N, C-alpha and C. Protein backbone atom coordinates (compact mmCIF):
# COMPACT_ATOMS: atom_id res chain seq x y z
N MET A 1 -3.80 -18.76 -15.41
CA MET A 1 -3.95 -18.94 -13.97
C MET A 1 -5.17 -19.82 -13.71
N SER A 2 -4.96 -20.94 -13.02
CA SER A 2 -6.04 -21.87 -12.70
C SER A 2 -6.34 -21.81 -11.20
N LEU A 3 -7.52 -21.32 -10.86
CA LEU A 3 -7.89 -21.14 -9.46
C LEU A 3 -8.37 -22.46 -8.87
N SER A 4 -7.78 -22.86 -7.74
CA SER A 4 -8.15 -24.13 -7.11
C SER A 4 -9.20 -23.95 -6.02
N ARG A 5 -9.13 -22.85 -5.26
CA ARG A 5 -10.13 -22.57 -4.24
C ARG A 5 -10.05 -21.10 -3.83
N THR A 6 -11.11 -20.65 -3.16
CA THR A 6 -11.20 -19.25 -2.75
C THR A 6 -11.56 -19.16 -1.28
N TYR A 7 -10.86 -18.28 -0.57
CA TYR A 7 -11.17 -17.99 0.82
C TYR A 7 -11.80 -16.60 0.88
N MET A 8 -12.92 -16.48 1.60
CA MET A 8 -13.61 -15.19 1.74
C MET A 8 -13.99 -14.98 3.20
N SER A 9 -13.72 -13.78 3.71
CA SER A 9 -14.04 -13.51 5.11
C SER A 9 -15.55 -13.46 5.31
N ALA A 10 -16.00 -13.77 6.51
CA ALA A 10 -17.44 -13.85 6.80
C ALA A 10 -18.15 -12.52 6.58
N SER A 11 -17.50 -11.42 6.97
CA SER A 11 -18.14 -10.11 6.81
C SER A 11 -18.28 -9.73 5.34
N VAL A 12 -17.29 -10.10 4.51
CA VAL A 12 -17.39 -9.85 3.08
C VAL A 12 -18.52 -10.67 2.47
N PHE A 13 -18.62 -11.93 2.88
CA PHE A 13 -19.69 -12.81 2.38
C PHE A 13 -21.06 -12.24 2.74
N GLN A 14 -21.20 -11.76 3.98
CA GLN A 14 -22.47 -11.17 4.42
C GLN A 14 -22.82 -9.93 3.59
N THR A 15 -21.81 -9.09 3.32
CA THR A 15 -22.05 -7.88 2.54
C THR A 15 -22.45 -8.21 1.11
N CYS A 16 -21.80 -9.21 0.52
CA CYS A 16 -22.15 -9.65 -0.84
C CYS A 16 -23.60 -10.13 -0.90
N LEU A 17 -23.99 -10.94 0.09
CA LEU A 17 -25.37 -11.45 0.12
C LEU A 17 -26.37 -10.32 0.31
N THR A 18 -26.05 -9.39 1.21
CA THR A 18 -26.94 -8.26 1.45
C THR A 18 -27.12 -7.44 0.18
N HIS A 19 -26.01 -7.22 -0.52
CA HIS A 19 -26.06 -6.48 -1.78
C HIS A 19 -26.92 -7.22 -2.81
N ALA A 20 -26.72 -8.52 -2.92
CA ALA A 20 -27.46 -9.32 -3.91
C ALA A 20 -28.96 -9.34 -3.62
N PHE A 21 -29.33 -9.39 -2.33
CA PHE A 21 -30.74 -9.46 -1.97
C PHE A 21 -31.39 -8.08 -1.85
N SER A 22 -30.64 -7.02 -2.14
CA SER A 22 -31.20 -5.67 -2.04
C SER A 22 -32.22 -5.39 -3.13
N THR A 23 -32.17 -6.15 -4.23
CA THR A 23 -33.15 -6.00 -5.30
C THR A 23 -33.33 -7.34 -6.01
N GLU A 24 -34.54 -7.61 -6.42
CA GLU A 24 -34.81 -8.84 -7.17
C GLU A 24 -35.16 -8.54 -8.62
N ARG A 25 -35.09 -7.25 -8.99
CA ARG A 25 -35.49 -6.85 -10.34
C ARG A 25 -34.30 -6.58 -11.27
N GLU A 26 -33.14 -6.24 -10.70
CA GLU A 26 -31.97 -5.98 -11.54
C GLU A 26 -30.76 -6.71 -10.97
N GLU A 27 -29.76 -6.90 -11.82
CA GLU A 27 -28.50 -7.47 -11.37
C GLU A 27 -27.71 -6.40 -10.61
N ILE A 28 -26.90 -6.87 -9.67
CA ILE A 28 -26.00 -5.97 -8.93
C ILE A 28 -24.56 -6.40 -9.21
N MET A 29 -23.62 -5.53 -8.87
CA MET A 29 -22.22 -5.85 -9.16
C MET A 29 -21.30 -5.15 -8.18
N GLY A 30 -20.21 -5.81 -7.85
CA GLY A 30 -19.17 -5.23 -7.01
C GLY A 30 -17.83 -5.85 -7.36
N LEU A 31 -16.77 -5.26 -6.86
CA LEU A 31 -15.42 -5.73 -7.15
C LEU A 31 -14.79 -6.34 -5.90
N LEU A 32 -14.04 -7.41 -6.11
CA LEU A 32 -13.43 -8.17 -5.01
C LEU A 32 -11.99 -7.71 -4.80
N LEU A 33 -11.65 -7.43 -3.55
CA LEU A 33 -10.30 -6.99 -3.19
C LEU A 33 -9.62 -8.08 -2.38
N GLY A 34 -8.42 -8.43 -2.77
CA GLY A 34 -7.71 -9.48 -2.05
C GLY A 34 -6.34 -9.74 -2.62
N LYS A 35 -5.90 -10.99 -2.51
CA LYS A 35 -4.56 -11.37 -2.96
C LYS A 35 -4.59 -12.77 -3.58
N TRP A 36 -3.68 -12.97 -4.51
CA TRP A 36 -3.44 -14.29 -5.08
C TRP A 36 -2.21 -14.89 -4.42
N THR A 37 -2.23 -16.18 -4.19
CA THR A 37 -1.06 -16.86 -3.67
C THR A 37 -1.04 -18.29 -4.20
N LYS A 38 0.05 -18.96 -3.99
CA LYS A 38 0.18 -20.36 -4.42
C LYS A 38 0.32 -21.26 -3.20
N VAL A 39 -0.45 -22.33 -3.19
CA VAL A 39 -0.38 -23.34 -2.14
C VAL A 39 -0.19 -24.69 -2.82
N LYS A 40 0.96 -25.28 -2.61
CA LYS A 40 1.30 -26.55 -3.25
C LYS A 40 1.14 -26.47 -4.77
N GLU A 41 1.70 -25.39 -5.32
CA GLU A 41 1.71 -25.17 -6.78
C GLU A 41 0.32 -24.90 -7.36
N LYS A 42 -0.67 -24.64 -6.50
CA LYS A 42 -2.01 -24.32 -6.98
C LYS A 42 -2.38 -22.90 -6.57
N ASP A 43 -3.08 -22.19 -7.47
CA ASP A 43 -3.47 -20.81 -7.20
C ASP A 43 -4.65 -20.75 -6.24
N VAL A 44 -4.52 -19.89 -5.24
CA VAL A 44 -5.56 -19.70 -4.24
C VAL A 44 -5.85 -18.20 -4.12
N ALA A 45 -7.13 -17.84 -4.04
CA ALA A 45 -7.53 -16.44 -3.89
C ALA A 45 -8.02 -16.19 -2.47
N TYR A 46 -7.55 -15.09 -1.88
CA TYR A 46 -8.00 -14.66 -0.57
C TYR A 46 -8.75 -13.34 -0.75
N ILE A 47 -10.07 -13.36 -0.55
CA ILE A 47 -10.89 -12.16 -0.70
C ILE A 47 -11.12 -11.57 0.69
N GLU A 48 -10.59 -10.36 0.91
CA GLU A 48 -10.61 -9.78 2.24
C GLU A 48 -11.45 -8.51 2.33
N ALA A 49 -11.88 -7.99 1.19
CA ALA A 49 -12.73 -6.79 1.18
C ALA A 49 -13.41 -6.70 -0.18
N ILE A 50 -14.41 -5.84 -0.27
CA ILE A 50 -15.07 -5.60 -1.56
C ILE A 50 -15.25 -4.10 -1.75
N SER A 51 -15.48 -3.73 -2.98
CA SER A 51 -15.84 -2.35 -3.31
C SER A 51 -17.18 -2.40 -4.03
N ILE A 52 -18.22 -1.88 -3.39
CA ILE A 52 -19.55 -1.88 -3.99
C ILE A 52 -19.62 -0.80 -5.06
N SER A 53 -20.02 -1.18 -6.25
CA SER A 53 -19.95 -0.27 -7.40
C SER A 53 -21.32 0.33 -7.72
N ARG A 54 -21.30 1.62 -8.07
CA ARG A 54 -22.50 2.24 -8.62
C ARG A 54 -22.69 1.76 -10.05
N ARG A 55 -23.89 1.36 -10.37
CA ARG A 55 -24.15 0.74 -11.67
C ARG A 55 -24.36 1.79 -12.76
N LEU A 56 -23.65 1.59 -13.86
CA LEU A 56 -23.83 2.45 -15.02
C LEU A 56 -25.09 2.06 -15.77
N ASP A 57 -25.36 0.77 -15.79
CA ASP A 57 -26.57 0.24 -16.42
C ASP A 57 -27.09 -0.87 -15.53
N LYS A 58 -28.39 -0.89 -15.28
CA LYS A 58 -28.96 -1.92 -14.40
C LYS A 58 -30.23 -2.47 -15.02
N LEU A 59 -30.16 -3.73 -15.40
CA LEU A 59 -31.29 -4.43 -15.99
C LEU A 59 -31.41 -5.80 -15.32
N LYS A 60 -32.48 -6.52 -15.63
CA LYS A 60 -32.68 -7.82 -15.00
C LYS A 60 -31.72 -8.87 -15.53
N ASP A 61 -31.10 -8.61 -16.68
CA ASP A 61 -30.19 -9.60 -17.26
C ASP A 61 -28.83 -9.01 -17.63
N ARG A 62 -28.54 -7.80 -17.16
CA ARG A 62 -27.24 -7.19 -17.48
C ARG A 62 -26.91 -6.10 -16.47
N VAL A 63 -25.63 -5.95 -16.18
CA VAL A 63 -25.19 -4.88 -15.29
C VAL A 63 -23.81 -4.41 -15.76
N GLU A 64 -23.59 -3.11 -15.67
CA GLU A 64 -22.31 -2.53 -16.08
C GLU A 64 -21.89 -1.49 -15.06
N ILE A 65 -20.56 -1.29 -14.95
CA ILE A 65 -20.03 -0.21 -14.13
C ILE A 65 -19.11 0.63 -15.00
N SER A 66 -18.83 1.84 -14.55
CA SER A 66 -17.99 2.75 -15.32
C SER A 66 -16.52 2.51 -15.02
N PRO A 67 -15.61 2.94 -15.91
CA PRO A 67 -14.17 2.85 -15.63
C PRO A 67 -13.78 3.60 -14.36
N GLU A 68 -14.53 4.67 -14.04
CA GLU A 68 -14.24 5.43 -12.83
C GLU A 68 -14.45 4.58 -11.58
N GLN A 69 -15.46 3.71 -11.61
CA GLN A 69 -15.72 2.83 -10.48
C GLN A 69 -14.59 1.82 -10.30
N LEU A 70 -14.05 1.35 -11.41
CA LEU A 70 -12.91 0.43 -11.35
C LEU A 70 -11.70 1.13 -10.75
N MET A 71 -11.44 2.36 -11.17
CA MET A 71 -10.32 3.13 -10.63
C MET A 71 -10.51 3.39 -9.14
N HIS A 72 -11.77 3.67 -8.74
CA HIS A 72 -12.06 3.89 -7.33
C HIS A 72 -11.75 2.63 -6.52
N ALA A 73 -12.14 1.48 -7.03
CA ALA A 73 -11.87 0.21 -6.34
C ALA A 73 -10.37 -0.05 -6.24
N MET A 74 -9.63 0.26 -7.30
CA MET A 74 -8.18 0.07 -7.28
C MET A 74 -7.53 0.98 -6.25
N ASN A 75 -8.01 2.21 -6.14
CA ASN A 75 -7.48 3.14 -5.14
C ASN A 75 -7.79 2.67 -3.72
N GLU A 76 -9.02 2.17 -3.52
CA GLU A 76 -9.38 1.64 -2.21
C GLU A 76 -8.52 0.43 -1.86
N GLY A 77 -8.31 -0.44 -2.84
CA GLY A 77 -7.46 -1.60 -2.61
C GLY A 77 -6.04 -1.22 -2.26
N GLU A 78 -5.53 -0.18 -2.92
CA GLU A 78 -4.16 0.26 -2.64
C GLU A 78 -4.01 0.75 -1.21
N LYS A 79 -5.05 1.43 -0.69
CA LYS A 79 -5.02 1.89 0.70
C LYS A 79 -4.96 0.72 1.67
N LEU A 80 -5.62 -0.38 1.29
CA LEU A 80 -5.65 -1.57 2.15
C LEU A 80 -4.53 -2.56 1.83
N GLN A 81 -3.67 -2.18 0.87
CA GLN A 81 -2.60 -3.06 0.39
C GLN A 81 -3.18 -4.35 -0.20
N LEU A 82 -4.26 -4.17 -0.96
CA LEU A 82 -4.92 -5.29 -1.65
C LEU A 82 -5.05 -4.94 -3.13
N ASN A 83 -5.37 -5.95 -3.92
CA ASN A 83 -5.57 -5.76 -5.36
C ASN A 83 -7.00 -6.12 -5.74
N VAL A 84 -7.46 -5.56 -6.86
CA VAL A 84 -8.73 -5.99 -7.43
C VAL A 84 -8.48 -7.33 -8.13
N ILE A 85 -9.03 -8.41 -7.59
CA ILE A 85 -8.74 -9.74 -8.12
C ILE A 85 -9.95 -10.39 -8.80
N GLY A 86 -11.07 -9.70 -8.80
CA GLY A 86 -12.25 -10.28 -9.44
C GLY A 86 -13.47 -9.43 -9.21
N TRP A 87 -14.61 -9.96 -9.55
CA TRP A 87 -15.86 -9.24 -9.37
C TRP A 87 -16.99 -10.23 -9.07
N TYR A 88 -18.07 -9.73 -8.51
CA TYR A 88 -19.24 -10.56 -8.23
C TYR A 88 -20.48 -9.85 -8.78
N HIS A 89 -21.45 -10.62 -9.16
CA HIS A 89 -22.73 -10.04 -9.56
C HIS A 89 -23.82 -11.08 -9.39
N SER A 90 -25.05 -10.62 -9.40
CA SER A 90 -26.18 -11.51 -9.11
C SER A 90 -26.93 -11.87 -10.38
N HIS A 91 -27.70 -12.96 -10.29
CA HIS A 91 -28.62 -13.38 -11.34
C HIS A 91 -29.99 -13.59 -10.68
N PRO A 92 -30.83 -12.54 -10.62
CA PRO A 92 -32.12 -12.68 -9.94
C PRO A 92 -32.96 -13.82 -10.52
N HIS A 93 -33.51 -14.63 -9.61
CA HIS A 93 -34.43 -15.73 -9.95
C HIS A 93 -33.76 -16.83 -10.78
N LEU A 94 -32.45 -16.89 -10.74
CA LEU A 94 -31.75 -17.95 -11.47
C LEU A 94 -31.33 -19.04 -10.48
N ILE A 95 -31.59 -20.28 -10.81
CA ILE A 95 -31.20 -21.40 -9.94
C ILE A 95 -29.69 -21.62 -10.09
N PRO A 96 -28.94 -21.58 -8.97
CA PRO A 96 -27.49 -21.73 -9.08
C PRO A 96 -27.10 -23.12 -9.56
N GLY A 97 -26.01 -23.17 -10.32
CA GLY A 97 -25.51 -24.44 -10.83
C GLY A 97 -24.46 -25.03 -9.91
N HIS A 98 -23.73 -25.98 -10.43
CA HIS A 98 -22.70 -26.66 -9.66
C HIS A 98 -21.53 -25.71 -9.40
N LEU A 99 -21.09 -25.66 -8.14
CA LEU A 99 -19.95 -24.82 -7.76
C LEU A 99 -18.66 -25.58 -8.04
N GLU A 100 -17.94 -25.13 -9.06
CA GLU A 100 -16.74 -25.85 -9.48
C GLU A 100 -15.53 -25.50 -8.62
N ILE A 101 -15.47 -24.26 -8.13
CA ILE A 101 -14.34 -23.83 -7.31
C ILE A 101 -14.81 -23.71 -5.86
N PRO A 102 -14.22 -24.45 -4.94
CA PRO A 102 -14.64 -24.40 -3.54
C PRO A 102 -14.51 -22.99 -2.96
N LEU A 103 -15.56 -22.55 -2.25
CA LEU A 103 -15.54 -21.27 -1.55
C LEU A 103 -15.54 -21.55 -0.06
N ILE A 104 -14.51 -21.07 0.63
CA ILE A 104 -14.34 -21.33 2.06
C ILE A 104 -14.51 -20.02 2.81
N ILE A 105 -15.50 -19.97 3.72
CA ILE A 105 -15.76 -18.77 4.51
C ILE A 105 -14.89 -18.81 5.77
N THR A 106 -14.14 -17.73 6.00
CA THR A 106 -13.21 -17.68 7.12
C THR A 106 -13.63 -16.62 8.14
N ALA A 107 -13.02 -16.68 9.31
CA ALA A 107 -13.27 -15.68 10.34
C ALA A 107 -12.67 -14.34 9.93
N ASP A 108 -13.21 -13.26 10.48
CA ASP A 108 -12.70 -11.92 10.16
C ASP A 108 -11.46 -11.62 11.00
N ASN A 109 -10.33 -11.54 10.32
CA ASN A 109 -9.08 -11.25 11.03
C ASN A 109 -8.36 -10.02 10.50
N THR A 110 -8.83 -9.47 9.39
CA THR A 110 -8.07 -8.40 8.74
C THR A 110 -8.82 -7.08 8.63
N TYR A 111 -9.92 -7.05 7.86
CA TYR A 111 -10.58 -5.78 7.59
C TYR A 111 -12.08 -5.79 7.93
N PRO A 112 -12.45 -6.21 9.15
CA PRO A 112 -13.89 -6.22 9.48
C PRO A 112 -14.50 -4.82 9.51
N ASP A 113 -13.72 -3.81 9.93
CA ASP A 113 -14.24 -2.45 9.99
C ASP A 113 -14.55 -1.92 8.59
N TYR A 114 -13.69 -2.26 7.62
CA TYR A 114 -13.92 -1.79 6.26
C TYR A 114 -15.16 -2.47 5.67
N SER A 115 -15.35 -3.74 5.98
CA SER A 115 -16.54 -4.45 5.50
C SER A 115 -17.81 -3.85 6.09
N LEU A 116 -17.74 -3.48 7.37
CA LEU A 116 -18.89 -2.84 8.01
C LEU A 116 -19.18 -1.49 7.36
N TYR A 117 -18.11 -0.75 7.03
CA TYR A 117 -18.27 0.54 6.35
C TYR A 117 -18.95 0.35 5.00
N GLN A 118 -18.52 -0.66 4.24
CA GLN A 118 -19.13 -0.93 2.94
C GLN A 118 -20.61 -1.30 3.08
N LEU A 119 -20.91 -2.07 4.12
CA LEU A 119 -22.30 -2.48 4.35
C LEU A 119 -23.19 -1.28 4.65
N THR A 120 -22.69 -0.37 5.49
CA THR A 120 -23.49 0.81 5.85
C THR A 120 -23.55 1.82 4.71
N GLU A 121 -22.60 1.77 3.78
CA GLU A 121 -22.62 2.66 2.62
C GLU A 121 -23.56 2.17 1.53
N LEU A 122 -23.92 0.89 1.57
CA LEU A 122 -24.75 0.31 0.52
C LEU A 122 -26.07 1.06 0.31
N PRO A 123 -26.82 1.41 1.37
CA PRO A 123 -28.06 2.17 1.12
C PRO A 123 -27.81 3.49 0.41
N ASN A 124 -26.72 4.19 0.77
CA ASN A 124 -26.41 5.47 0.12
C ASN A 124 -26.15 5.28 -1.37
N ILE A 125 -25.45 4.20 -1.71
CA ILE A 125 -25.16 3.92 -3.13
C ILE A 125 -26.46 3.65 -3.89
N LEU A 126 -27.34 2.86 -3.29
CA LEU A 126 -28.61 2.54 -3.94
C LEU A 126 -29.52 3.77 -4.03
N PHE A 127 -29.48 4.63 -2.99
CA PHE A 127 -30.24 5.88 -3.04
C PHE A 127 -29.78 6.74 -4.22
N SER A 128 -28.46 6.85 -4.39
CA SER A 128 -27.93 7.68 -5.48
C SER A 128 -28.30 7.11 -6.85
N GLU A 129 -28.36 5.78 -6.96
CA GLU A 129 -28.77 5.16 -8.23
C GLU A 129 -30.23 5.48 -8.54
N GLU A 130 -31.09 5.39 -7.52
CA GLU A 130 -32.51 5.71 -7.73
C GLU A 130 -32.68 7.18 -8.12
N LYS A 131 -31.93 8.05 -7.46
CA LYS A 131 -32.03 9.48 -7.76
C LYS A 131 -31.58 9.76 -9.19
N LYS A 132 -30.49 9.12 -9.61
CA LYS A 132 -29.98 9.32 -10.97
C LYS A 132 -31.01 8.86 -12.00
N SER A 133 -31.63 7.70 -11.76
CA SER A 133 -32.63 7.19 -12.69
C SER A 133 -33.83 8.14 -12.79
N PHE A 134 -34.23 8.68 -11.64
CA PHE A 134 -35.36 9.61 -11.63
C PHE A 134 -35.03 10.90 -12.38
N GLU A 135 -33.83 11.43 -12.13
CA GLU A 135 -33.43 12.67 -12.80
C GLU A 135 -33.31 12.47 -14.31
N GLU A 136 -32.82 11.30 -14.72
CA GLU A 136 -32.72 11.02 -16.16
C GLU A 136 -34.10 10.93 -16.80
N SER A 137 -35.09 10.46 -16.04
CA SER A 137 -36.45 10.36 -16.58
C SER A 137 -37.08 11.73 -16.79
N LEU A 138 -36.53 12.74 -16.10
CA LEU A 138 -37.09 14.09 -16.20
C LEU A 138 -36.43 14.92 -17.30
N GLN A 139 -35.38 14.41 -17.89
CA GLN A 139 -34.69 15.17 -18.93
C GLN A 139 -35.64 15.46 -20.09
N ASN A 140 -35.57 16.70 -20.54
CA ASN A 140 -36.41 17.17 -21.65
C ASN A 140 -37.90 17.14 -21.33
N LYS A 141 -38.21 17.11 -20.03
CA LYS A 141 -39.63 17.14 -19.63
C LYS A 141 -39.82 18.26 -18.62
N ASP A 142 -39.91 19.48 -19.08
CA ASP A 142 -40.09 20.64 -18.21
C ASP A 142 -41.59 20.91 -18.04
N ILE A 143 -42.17 20.39 -16.96
CA ILE A 143 -43.62 20.53 -16.79
C ILE A 143 -44.00 21.93 -16.32
N THR A 144 -43.01 22.76 -15.95
CA THR A 144 -43.32 24.14 -15.56
C THR A 144 -43.47 25.03 -16.78
N ASN A 145 -43.01 24.54 -17.93
CA ASN A 145 -43.12 25.30 -19.17
C ASN A 145 -44.52 25.08 -19.75
N GLU A 146 -45.19 26.18 -20.06
CA GLU A 146 -46.57 26.09 -20.54
C GLU A 146 -46.69 25.27 -21.81
N LEU A 147 -45.66 25.35 -22.69
CA LEU A 147 -45.71 24.62 -23.95
C LEU A 147 -45.48 23.13 -23.75
N ASP A 148 -44.88 22.77 -22.62
CA ASP A 148 -44.51 21.37 -22.40
C ASP A 148 -45.34 20.73 -21.30
N SER A 149 -46.24 21.50 -20.70
CA SER A 149 -46.99 21.00 -19.54
C SER A 149 -48.28 20.33 -19.98
N THR A 150 -48.18 19.43 -20.92
CA THR A 150 -49.35 18.67 -21.36
C THR A 150 -49.74 17.67 -20.30
N LEU A 151 -50.95 17.18 -20.39
CA LEU A 151 -51.44 16.19 -19.42
C LEU A 151 -50.58 14.93 -19.46
N ALA A 152 -50.16 14.53 -20.65
CA ALA A 152 -49.34 13.31 -20.77
C ALA A 152 -48.02 13.47 -20.04
N ASN A 153 -47.40 14.66 -20.15
CA ASN A 153 -46.13 14.89 -19.48
C ASN A 153 -46.31 14.91 -17.96
N LYS A 154 -47.42 15.51 -17.51
CA LYS A 154 -47.67 15.55 -16.08
C LYS A 154 -47.92 14.14 -15.53
N LEU A 155 -48.65 13.33 -16.27
CA LEU A 155 -48.88 11.95 -15.85
C LEU A 155 -47.58 11.15 -15.84
N THR A 156 -46.74 11.40 -16.84
CA THR A 156 -45.43 10.72 -16.88
C THR A 156 -44.59 11.11 -15.68
N TYR A 157 -44.62 12.39 -15.33
CA TYR A 157 -43.86 12.87 -14.16
C TYR A 157 -44.37 12.21 -12.88
N GLN A 158 -45.69 12.14 -12.73
CA GLN A 158 -46.26 11.51 -11.54
C GLN A 158 -45.90 10.02 -11.48
N HIS A 159 -46.00 9.36 -12.62
CA HIS A 159 -45.67 7.94 -12.68
C HIS A 159 -44.22 7.70 -12.27
N ASN A 160 -43.30 8.49 -12.83
CA ASN A 160 -41.88 8.34 -12.50
C ASN A 160 -41.61 8.69 -11.04
N SER A 161 -42.36 9.66 -10.52
CA SER A 161 -42.20 10.04 -9.11
C SER A 161 -42.62 8.89 -8.20
N PHE A 162 -43.72 8.22 -8.54
CA PHE A 162 -44.19 7.08 -7.74
C PHE A 162 -43.16 5.94 -7.78
N ILE A 163 -42.58 5.69 -8.95
CA ILE A 163 -41.55 4.65 -9.06
C ILE A 163 -40.34 5.00 -8.20
N TYR A 164 -39.96 6.28 -8.22
CA TYR A 164 -38.82 6.75 -7.42
C TYR A 164 -39.10 6.55 -5.93
N MET A 165 -40.29 6.95 -5.48
CA MET A 165 -40.64 6.81 -4.07
C MET A 165 -40.74 5.34 -3.68
N GLU A 166 -41.23 4.50 -4.57
CA GLU A 166 -41.30 3.06 -4.29
C GLU A 166 -39.89 2.49 -4.11
N GLY A 167 -38.96 2.91 -4.98
CA GLY A 167 -37.59 2.44 -4.87
C GLY A 167 -36.95 2.86 -3.56
N ILE A 168 -37.15 4.13 -3.17
CA ILE A 168 -36.60 4.63 -1.91
C ILE A 168 -37.20 3.88 -0.72
N SER A 169 -38.52 3.66 -0.76
CA SER A 169 -39.19 2.95 0.34
C SER A 169 -38.68 1.53 0.47
N ASN A 170 -38.45 0.86 -0.65
CA ASN A 170 -37.94 -0.51 -0.61
C ASN A 170 -36.54 -0.56 0.00
N ILE A 171 -35.70 0.42 -0.33
CA ILE A 171 -34.35 0.45 0.24
C ILE A 171 -34.41 0.62 1.75
N VAL A 172 -35.26 1.54 2.20
CA VAL A 172 -35.40 1.77 3.65
C VAL A 172 -35.94 0.53 4.34
N ASP A 173 -36.98 -0.08 3.75
CA ASP A 173 -37.65 -1.22 4.37
C ASP A 173 -36.80 -2.49 4.37
N LYS A 174 -36.15 -2.77 3.24
CA LYS A 174 -35.44 -4.04 3.08
C LYS A 174 -33.95 -3.96 3.42
N LEU A 175 -33.42 -2.74 3.54
CA LEU A 175 -31.97 -2.63 3.72
C LEU A 175 -31.59 -1.75 4.90
N SER A 176 -32.01 -0.49 4.87
CA SER A 176 -31.57 0.45 5.90
C SER A 176 -32.00 0.02 7.30
N MET A 177 -33.28 -0.32 7.47
CA MET A 177 -33.77 -0.70 8.78
C MET A 177 -33.15 -2.01 9.28
N PRO A 178 -33.07 -3.08 8.45
CA PRO A 178 -32.41 -4.30 8.93
C PRO A 178 -30.94 -4.07 9.31
N ILE A 179 -30.22 -3.26 8.53
CA ILE A 179 -28.82 -2.97 8.86
C ILE A 179 -28.74 -2.24 10.19
N TYR A 180 -29.62 -1.25 10.38
CA TYR A 180 -29.64 -0.50 11.64
C TYR A 180 -29.95 -1.42 12.81
N GLN A 181 -30.94 -2.28 12.66
CA GLN A 181 -31.31 -3.19 13.74
C GLN A 181 -30.18 -4.18 14.05
N ASN A 182 -29.48 -4.62 13.00
CA ASN A 182 -28.36 -5.54 13.20
C ASN A 182 -27.23 -4.87 13.96
N ILE A 183 -26.92 -3.62 13.59
CA ILE A 183 -25.86 -2.88 14.27
C ILE A 183 -26.24 -2.61 15.72
N GLU A 184 -27.52 -2.28 15.95
CA GLU A 184 -28.00 -2.06 17.32
C GLU A 184 -27.86 -3.33 18.15
N SER A 185 -28.17 -4.48 17.54
CA SER A 185 -28.05 -5.75 18.24
C SER A 185 -26.59 -6.04 18.60
N ILE A 186 -25.69 -5.80 17.64
CA ILE A 186 -24.26 -6.00 17.90
C ILE A 186 -23.78 -5.07 19.00
N ASN A 187 -24.24 -3.81 18.95
CA ASN A 187 -23.85 -2.83 19.96
C ASN A 187 -24.31 -3.25 21.35
N SER A 188 -25.54 -3.75 21.45
CA SER A 188 -26.06 -4.21 22.75
C SER A 188 -25.26 -5.39 23.28
N GLN A 189 -24.91 -6.32 22.38
CA GLN A 189 -24.13 -7.48 22.79
C GLN A 189 -22.75 -7.07 23.27
N LEU A 190 -22.13 -6.11 22.58
CA LEU A 190 -20.81 -5.63 22.98
C LEU A 190 -20.87 -4.94 24.35
N LYS A 191 -21.93 -4.20 24.60
CA LYS A 191 -22.08 -3.55 25.90
C LYS A 191 -22.21 -4.58 27.01
N GLU A 192 -22.96 -5.65 26.75
CA GLU A 192 -23.09 -6.72 27.74
C GLU A 192 -21.75 -7.40 27.99
N ASP A 193 -20.99 -7.64 26.91
CA ASP A 193 -19.67 -8.26 27.06
C ASP A 193 -18.73 -7.37 27.87
N ILE A 194 -18.78 -6.06 27.62
CA ILE A 194 -17.94 -5.12 28.36
C ILE A 194 -18.30 -5.12 29.84
N ALA A 195 -19.61 -5.13 30.12
CA ALA A 195 -20.07 -5.14 31.51
C ALA A 195 -19.60 -6.41 32.23
N LYS A 196 -19.67 -7.56 31.56
CA LYS A 196 -19.22 -8.82 32.16
C LYS A 196 -17.72 -8.80 32.41
N LEU A 197 -16.96 -8.26 31.47
CA LEU A 197 -15.51 -8.18 31.63
C LEU A 197 -15.13 -7.25 32.78
N GLN A 198 -15.85 -6.13 32.90
CA GLN A 198 -15.58 -5.21 34.00
C GLN A 198 -15.91 -5.83 35.34
N GLU A 199 -17.01 -6.59 35.38
CA GLU A 199 -17.38 -7.29 36.61
C GLU A 199 -16.33 -8.33 36.98
N ARG A 200 -15.84 -9.04 35.98
CA ARG A 200 -14.80 -10.04 36.23
C ARG A 200 -13.52 -9.38 36.69
N LYS A 201 -13.21 -8.23 36.12
CA LYS A 201 -12.00 -7.50 36.51
C LYS A 201 -12.08 -7.08 37.97
N GLN A 202 -13.27 -6.59 38.39
CA GLN A 202 -13.44 -6.17 39.78
C GLN A 202 -13.28 -7.34 40.75
N LYS A 203 -13.80 -8.51 40.36
CA LYS A 203 -13.66 -9.69 41.21
C LYS A 203 -12.20 -10.11 41.34
N LEU A 204 -11.48 -10.06 40.23
CA LEU A 204 -10.06 -10.43 40.27
C LEU A 204 -9.26 -9.46 41.13
N LEU A 205 -9.59 -8.17 41.03
CA LEU A 205 -8.87 -7.17 41.83
C LEU A 205 -9.20 -7.30 43.31
N SER A 206 -10.45 -7.67 43.62
CA SER A 206 -10.86 -7.79 45.02
C SER A 206 -10.26 -9.03 45.69
N ASN A 207 -9.86 -10.02 44.90
CA ASN A 207 -9.27 -11.25 45.45
C ASN A 207 -7.79 -11.11 45.74
N LYS A 208 -7.18 -10.01 45.32
CA LYS A 208 -5.73 -9.83 45.56
C LYS A 208 -5.47 -9.50 47.01
């Protein structure tokens, strides 16, 4: 299969960028939901939704997801009558090369609500990843046990706790608050639009 070009909805593109910019220290990854079709005998991909994946391994030069995450994405795609047609991931601090396959950003006509749901779920996914990393760092380190409560273990616990809190603070500062402010802005704009439409409706009714 030779891909000639790709169409991606604007909300999906925004969610991908938000996910990629959520961290500059590790790679991120998600799965693309959409359809393949042929246009003039050439393969074209339509990406209409994504499934943000919890990372099994997260490093600055590698990222992995579990088979369960792939199955979850396939189930989500089935609900939307879409297929898993690819994946995306980031390369922090890497200069992008030449784009060989044209990417065309389109208006949202199909699943904007699902894209918004994925965007608002992103902080929860990152929170769970930070929590998992912190809990794994505590394995075999029972500081409440007198035999294991050495100064080194206590310092290690404090160090890992500070890293955990830093990660949570970064998510809130760089992701949760901007998403909230963006949704509030959209909500205010929609309220203004509704008020204008209601005013126009009243004028039309009064002219009858």
